[in-house]
C-alpha atoms as a PDB file:
ATOM      1  CA  UNK A   1       6.485   1.688  42.555  1.00  0.00           C
ATOM      2  CA  UNK A   2       8.789   1.897  45.551  1.00  0.00           C
ATOM      3  CA  UNK A   3       9.066  -1.877  45.923  1.00  0.00           C
ATOM      4  CA  UNK A   4       8.736  -2.912  42.296  1.00  0.00           C
ATOM      5  CA  UNK A   5      11.846  -4.180  40.528  1.00  0.00           C
ATOM      6  CA  UNK A   6      12.894  -1.871  37.700  1.00  0.00           C
ATOM      7  CA  UNK A   7      11.789  -4.284  34.984  1.00  0.00           C
ATOM      8  CA  UNK A   8       8.241  -4.337  36.425  1.00  0.00           C
ATOM      9  CA  UNK A   9       7.815  -0.595  37.076  1.00  0.00           C
ATOM     10  CA  UNK A  10       7.039   0.077  33.455  1.00  0.00           C
ATOM     11  CA  UNK A  11       4.382  -2.660  33.471  1.00  0.00           C
ATOM     12  CA  UNK A  12       2.749  -1.029  36.500  1.00  0.00           C
ATOM     13  CA  UNK A  13       2.804   2.421  34.862  1.00  0.00           C
ATOM     14  CA  UNK A  14       1.475   1.068  31.572  1.00  0.00           C
ATOM     15  CA  UNK A  15      -1.397  -0.630  33.356  1.00  0.00           C
ATOM     16  CA  UNK A  16      -2.318   2.437  35.387  1.00  0.00           C
ATOM     17  CA  UNK A  17      -2.053   4.916  32.529  1.00  0.00           C
ATOM     18  CA  UNK A  18      -3.411   2.893  29.583  1.00  0.00           C
ATOM     19  CA  UNK A  19      -6.080   0.707  31.247  1.00  0.00           C
ATOM     20  CA  UNK A  20      -5.180  -2.243  29.014  1.00  0.00           C
ATOM     21  CA  UNK A  21      -5.192  -5.955  29.686  1.00  0.00           C
ATOM     22  CA  UNK A  22      -2.008  -7.729  30.756  1.00  0.00           C
ATOM     23  CA  UNK A  23      -1.806  -9.791  27.546  1.00  0.00           C
ATOM     24  CA  UNK A  24      -2.096  -6.722  25.352  1.00  0.00           C
ATOM     25  CA  UNK A  25       0.554  -4.880  27.338  1.00  0.00           C
ATOM     26  CA  UNK A  26       2.961  -7.826  27.160  1.00  0.00           C
ATOM     27  CA  UNK A  27       2.622  -7.924  23.360  1.00  0.00           C
ATOM     28  CA  UNK A  28       2.750  -4.136  22.886  1.00  0.00           C
ATOM     29  CA  UNK A  29       5.561  -3.374  20.403  1.00  0.00           C
ATOM     30  CA  UNK A  30       7.543  -0.145  20.504  1.00  0.00           C
ATOM     31  CA  UNK A  31       6.041   0.770  17.121  1.00  0.00           C
ATOM     32  CA  UNK A  32       2.711   1.491  18.862  1.00  0.00           C
ATOM     33  CA  UNK A  33       4.249   4.386  20.811  1.00  0.00           C
ATOM     34  CA  UNK A  34       4.660   7.542  18.796  1.00  0.00           C
ATOM     35  CA  UNK A  35       5.726   9.893  21.573  1.00  0.00           C
ATOM     36  CA  UNK A  36       2.262  11.283  22.351  1.00  0.00           C
ATOM     37  CA  UNK A  37      -0.030   8.277  21.986  1.00  0.00           C
ATOM     38  CA  UNK A  38      -0.077   4.520  22.162  1.00  0.00           C
ATOM     39  CA  UNK A  39      -2.168   3.224  19.265  1.00  0.00           C
ATOM     40  CA  UNK A  40      -3.177  -0.398  19.412  1.00  0.00           C
ATOM     41  CA  UNK A  41      -5.760  -3.026  18.619  1.00  0.00           C
ATOM     42  CA  UNK A  42      -6.992  -5.020  21.592  1.00  0.00           C
ATOM     43  CA  UNK A  43      -6.699  -8.742  21.158  1.00  0.00           C
ATOM     44  CA  UNK A  44      -9.834  -9.719  23.103  1.00  0.00           C
ATOM     45  CA  UNK A  45     -12.308  -7.289  21.583  1.00  0.00           C
ATOM     46  CA  UNK A  46     -10.607  -6.130  18.415  1.00  0.00           C
ATOM     47  CA  UNK A  47     -11.222  -2.543  19.536  1.00  0.00           C
ATOM     48  CA  UNK A  48      -8.764   0.032  18.224  1.00  0.00           C
ATOM     49  CA  UNK A  49      -7.684   2.521  20.879  1.00  0.00           C
ATOM     50  CA  UNK A  50      -5.517   5.598  20.784  1.00  0.00           C
ATOM     51  CA  UNK A  51      -4.338   6.389  24.299  1.00  0.00           C
ATOM     52  CA  UNK A  52      -2.681   9.741  24.997  1.00  0.00           C
ATOM     53  CA  UNK A  53       0.396   9.133  27.108  1.00  0.00           C
ATOM     54  CA  UNK A  54       0.012  10.979  30.401  1.00  0.00           C
ATOM     55  CA  UNK A  55       3.057  12.854  31.675  1.00  0.00           C
ATOM     56  CA  UNK A  56       4.362  10.214  34.121  1.00  0.00           C
ATOM     57  CA  UNK A  57       4.033   7.400  31.576  1.00  0.00           C
ATOM     58  CA  UNK A  58       5.543   9.477  28.769  1.00  0.00           C
ATOM     59  CA  UNK A  59       8.508  10.418  30.963  1.00  0.00           C
ATOM     60  CA  UNK A  60       9.153   6.773  31.755  1.00  0.00           C
ATOM     61  CA  UNK A  61       8.696   5.556  28.162  1.00  0.00           C
ATOM     62  CA  UNK A  62      11.022   8.250  26.854  1.00  0.00           C
ATOM     63  CA  UNK A  63      13.898   7.137  29.087  1.00  0.00           C
ATOM     64  CA  UNK A  64      13.310   3.406  28.770  1.00  0.00           C
ATOM     65  CA  UNK A  65      15.885   1.645  26.595  1.00  0.00           C
ATOM     66  CA  UNK A  66      14.447  -0.426  23.785  1.00  0.00           C
ATOM     67  CA  UNK A  67      15.735  -3.810  24.833  1.00  0.00           C
ATOM     68  CA  UNK A  68      13.248  -5.964  22.948  1.00  0.00           C
ATOM     69  CA  UNK A  69      10.662  -5.625  20.201  1.00  0.00           C
ATOM     70  CA  UNK A  70       8.059  -5.213  22.903  1.00  0.00           C
ATOM     71  CA  UNK A  71       7.928  -2.287  25.320  1.00  0.00           C
ATOM     72  CA  UNK A  72       7.876  -4.600  28.309  1.00  0.00           C
ATOM     73  CA  UNK A  73      10.912  -6.790  28.604  1.00  0.00           C
ATOM     74  CA  UNK A  74      12.448  -9.191  31.094  1.00  0.00           C
ATOM     75  CA  UNK A  75      15.693  -8.535  32.912  1.00  0.00           C
ATOM     76  CA  UNK A  76      17.349 -10.532  30.139  1.00  0.00           C
ATOM     77  CA  UNK A  77      15.999  -8.127  27.490  1.00  0.00           C
ATOM     78  CA  UNK A  78      13.524 -10.544  25.971  1.00  0.00           C
ATOM     79  CA  UNK A  79       9.794 -10.243  25.528  1.00  0.00           C
ATOM     80  CA  UNK A  80       7.755 -11.690  28.382  1.00  0.00           C
ATOM     81  CA  UNK A  81       5.775 -14.884  28.224  1.00  0.00           C
ATOM     82  CA  UNK A  82       2.488 -14.589  30.116  1.00  0.00           C
ATOM     83  CA  UNK A  83       3.487 -17.308  32.567  1.00  0.00           C
ATOM     84  CA  UNK A  84       6.896 -15.721  33.180  1.00  0.00           C
ATOM     85  CA  UNK A  85       5.362 -12.324  33.735  1.00  0.00           C
ATOM     86  CA  UNK A  86       2.729 -13.684  36.148  1.00  0.00           C
ATOM     87  CA  UNK A  87       5.426 -15.472  38.166  1.00  0.00           C
ATOM     88  CA  UNK A  88       7.629 -12.350  38.374  1.00  0.00           C
ATOM     89  CA  UNK A  89       4.654 -10.148  39.202  1.00  0.00           C
ATOM     90  CA  UNK A  90       3.520 -12.526  41.960  1.00  0.00           C
ATOM     91  CA  UNK A  91       7.024 -12.574  43.491  1.00  0.00           C
ATOM     92  CA  UNK A  92       7.198  -8.781  43.428  1.00  0.00           C
ATOM     93  CA  UNK A  93       3.760  -8.496  45.099  1.00  0.00           C
ATOM     94  CA  UNK A  94       4.790 -10.915  47.841  1.00  0.00           C
ATOM     95  CA  UNK A  95       8.014  -8.992  48.427  1.00  0.00           C
ATOM     96  CA  UNK A  96       6.028  -5.719  48.602  1.00  0.00           C
ATOM     97  CA  UNK A  97       3.502  -7.229  51.024  1.00  0.00           C
ATOM     98  CA  UNK A  98       0.620  -6.970  48.571  1.00  0.00           C
ATOM     99  CA  UNK A  99      -1.987  -9.736  48.557  1.00  0.00           C
ATOM    100  CA  UNK A 100      -5.546 -10.317  47.442  1.00  0.00           C
ATOM    101  CA  UNK A 101      -5.270  -8.440  44.171  1.00  0.00           C
ATOM    102  CA  UNK A 102      -4.070  -9.314  40.652  1.00  0.00           C
ATOM    103  CA  UNK A 103      -2.442  -7.395  37.822  1.00  0.00           C
ATOM    104  CA  UNK A 104      -5.866  -7.221  36.178  1.00  0.00           C
ATOM    105  CA  UNK A 105      -7.148  -5.233  39.172  1.00  0.00           C
ATOM    106  CA  UNK A 106      -4.948  -2.358  37.950  1.00  0.00           C
ATOM    107  CA  UNK A 107      -7.360  -2.003  35.029  1.00  0.00           C
ATOM    108  CA  UNK A 108     -10.238  -1.273  37.405  1.00  0.00           C
ATOM    109  CA  UNK A 109      -7.996   0.990  39.481  1.00  0.00           C
ATOM    110  CA  UNK A 110      -7.217   3.028  36.396  1.00  0.00           C
ATOM    111  CA  UNK A 111     -10.930   3.312  35.514  1.00  0.00           C
ATOM    112  CA  UNK A 112     -11.665   4.461  39.060  1.00  0.00           C
ATOM    113  CA  UNK A 113      -8.847   7.031  39.010  1.00  0.00           C
ATOM    114  CA  UNK A 114     -10.188   8.457  35.757  1.00  0.00           C
ATOM    115  CA  UNK A 115     -13.654   8.699  37.318  1.00  0.00           C
ATOM    116  CA  UNK A 116     -12.303  10.430  40.416  1.00  0.00           C
ATOM    117  CA  UNK A 117     -10.490  12.867  38.148  1.00  0.00           C
ATOM    118  CA  UNK A 118     -13.896  13.810  36.680  1.00  0.00           C
ATOM    119  CA  UNK A 119     -13.769  11.871  33.417  1.00  0.00           C
ATOM    120  CA  UNK A 120     -17.044  10.847  31.843  1.00  0.00           C
ATOM    121  CA  UNK A 121     -17.814   7.222  31.124  1.00  0.00           C
ATOM    122  CA  UNK A 122     -17.495   8.019  27.377  1.00  0.00           C
ATOM    123  CA  UNK A 123     -13.998   9.452  27.906  1.00  0.00           C
ATOM    124  CA  UNK A 124     -13.025   6.390  29.905  1.00  0.00           C
ATOM    125  CA  UNK A 125     -14.434   4.003  27.292  1.00  0.00           C
ATOM    126  CA  UNK A 126     -12.394   5.768  24.607  1.00  0.00           C
ATOM    127  CA  UNK A 127      -9.186   4.908  26.432  1.00  0.00           C
ATOM    128  CA  UNK A 128     -10.024   1.476  27.777  1.00  0.00           C
ATOM    129  CA  UNK A 129     -11.878   0.071  24.792  1.00  0.00           C
ATOM    130  CA  UNK A 130     -14.825  -0.892  27.005  1.00  0.00           C
ATOM    131  CA  UNK A 131     -18.405  -0.216  26.005  1.00  0.00           C
ATOM    132  CA  UNK A 132     -20.196   2.522  27.939  1.00  0.00           C
ATOM    133  CA  UNK A 133     -22.318  -0.112  29.621  1.00  0.00           C
ATOM    134  CA  UNK A 134     -19.189  -2.068  30.693  1.00  0.00           C
ATOM    135  CA  UNK A 135     -17.555   1.049  32.157  1.00  0.00           C
ATOM    136  CA  UNK A 136     -20.655   1.678  34.234  1.00  0.00           C
ATOM    137  CA  UNK A 137     -20.794  -1.943  35.345  1.00  0.00           C
ATOM    138  CA  UNK A 138     -17.121  -1.988  36.319  1.00  0.00           C
ATOM    139  CA  UNK A 139     -17.509   1.126  38.374  1.00  0.00           C
ATOM    140  CA  UNK A 140     -20.793   0.187  39.957  1.00  0.00           C
ATOM    141  CA  UNK A 141     -20.046  -3.333  40.915  1.00  0.00           C
ATOM    142  CA  UNK A 142     -16.421  -3.253  41.954  1.00  0.00           C
ATOM    143  CA  UNK A 143     -14.796   0.058  42.610  1.00  0.00           C
ATOM    144  CA  UNK A 144     -16.872   3.128  43.298  1.00  0.00           C
ATOM    145  CA  UNK A 145     -18.525   1.956  46.473  1.00  0.00           C
ATOM    146  CA  UNK A 146     -15.072   1.479  47.988  1.00  0.00           C
ATOM    147  CA  UNK A 147     -13.730   4.928  47.164  1.00  0.00           C
ATOM    148  CA  UNK A 148     -14.317   7.633  49.775  1.00  0.00           C
ATOM    149  CA  UNK A 149     -12.810  10.283  47.507  1.00  0.00           C
ATOM    150  CA  UNK A 150     -15.865  10.112  45.276  1.00  0.00           C
ATOM    151  CA  UNK A 151     -18.198  10.748  48.186  1.00  0.00           C
ATOM    152  CA  UNK A 152     -16.108  13.735  49.262  1.00  0.00           C
ATOM    153  CA  UNK A 153     -16.108  15.081  45.681  1.00  0.00           C
ATOM    154  CA  UNK A 154     -19.863  14.690  45.433  1.00  0.00           C
ATOM    155  CA  UNK A 155     -20.534  16.630  48.654  1.00  0.00           C
ATOM    156  CA  UNK A 156     -18.044  19.309  47.608  1.00  0.00           C
ATOM    157  CA  UNK A 157     -19.796  19.722  44.235  1.00  0.00           C
ATOM    158  CA  UNK A 158     -23.197  19.926  45.962  1.00  0.00           C
ATOM    159  CA  UNK A 159     -21.938  22.535  48.396  1.00  0.00           C
ATOM    160  CA  UNK A 160     -20.479  24.607  45.552  1.00  0.00           C
ATOM    161  CA  UNK A 161     -23.689  24.283  43.562  1.00  0.00           C
ATOM    162  CA  UNK A 162     -25.907  25.287  46.460  1.00  0.00           C
ATOM    163  CA  UNK A 163     -23.624  28.159  47.402  1.00  0.00           C
ATOM    164  CA  UNK A 164     -23.967  29.445  43.857  1.00  0.00           C
ATOM    165  CA  UNK A 165     -27.751  29.185  43.845  1.00  0.00           C
ATOM    166  CA  UNK A 166     -28.228  30.492  47.359  1.00  0.00           C
ATOM    167  CA  UNK A 167     -30.329  27.404  48.162  1.00  0.00           C
ATOM    168  CA  UNK A 168     -29.563  24.859  50.803  1.00  0.00           C
ATOM    169  CA  UNK A 169     -32.061  22.198  51.697  1.00  0.00           C
END
């Protein structure tokens, strides 16, 4: 967020707080945002999702000027093309010193953050539009094994459980 140009900060926040694909976010009209939720139909799967807008995203959406039909807009106040967005995103990543990841990786990051926060796979699937099986596969194959916070949380839960039962080992 620190290094992102203003016109890309909203894209970053939408990705991290809605867990939606880049193409769906680029086409997301303002009419899908009702102040408390973003309600949309995913283009790839046809899944309908209703995503509560978390505080940081809501605060940003509420102060963002409606410069185009779509929530995300270029510096020239037009809706993005996918190629134009990818080029701008790539330039911003280079400028910020970020490499080896794509915009789509933010979708997995959001799923992982929800897991770390204690969300169930069913809760995550409700927001992302994934199937329960896909949520498990995403977490198991790409993200969880790289996140030390989950290991710390697991040991903390075990310690609390064992302290409550009086059993250890």
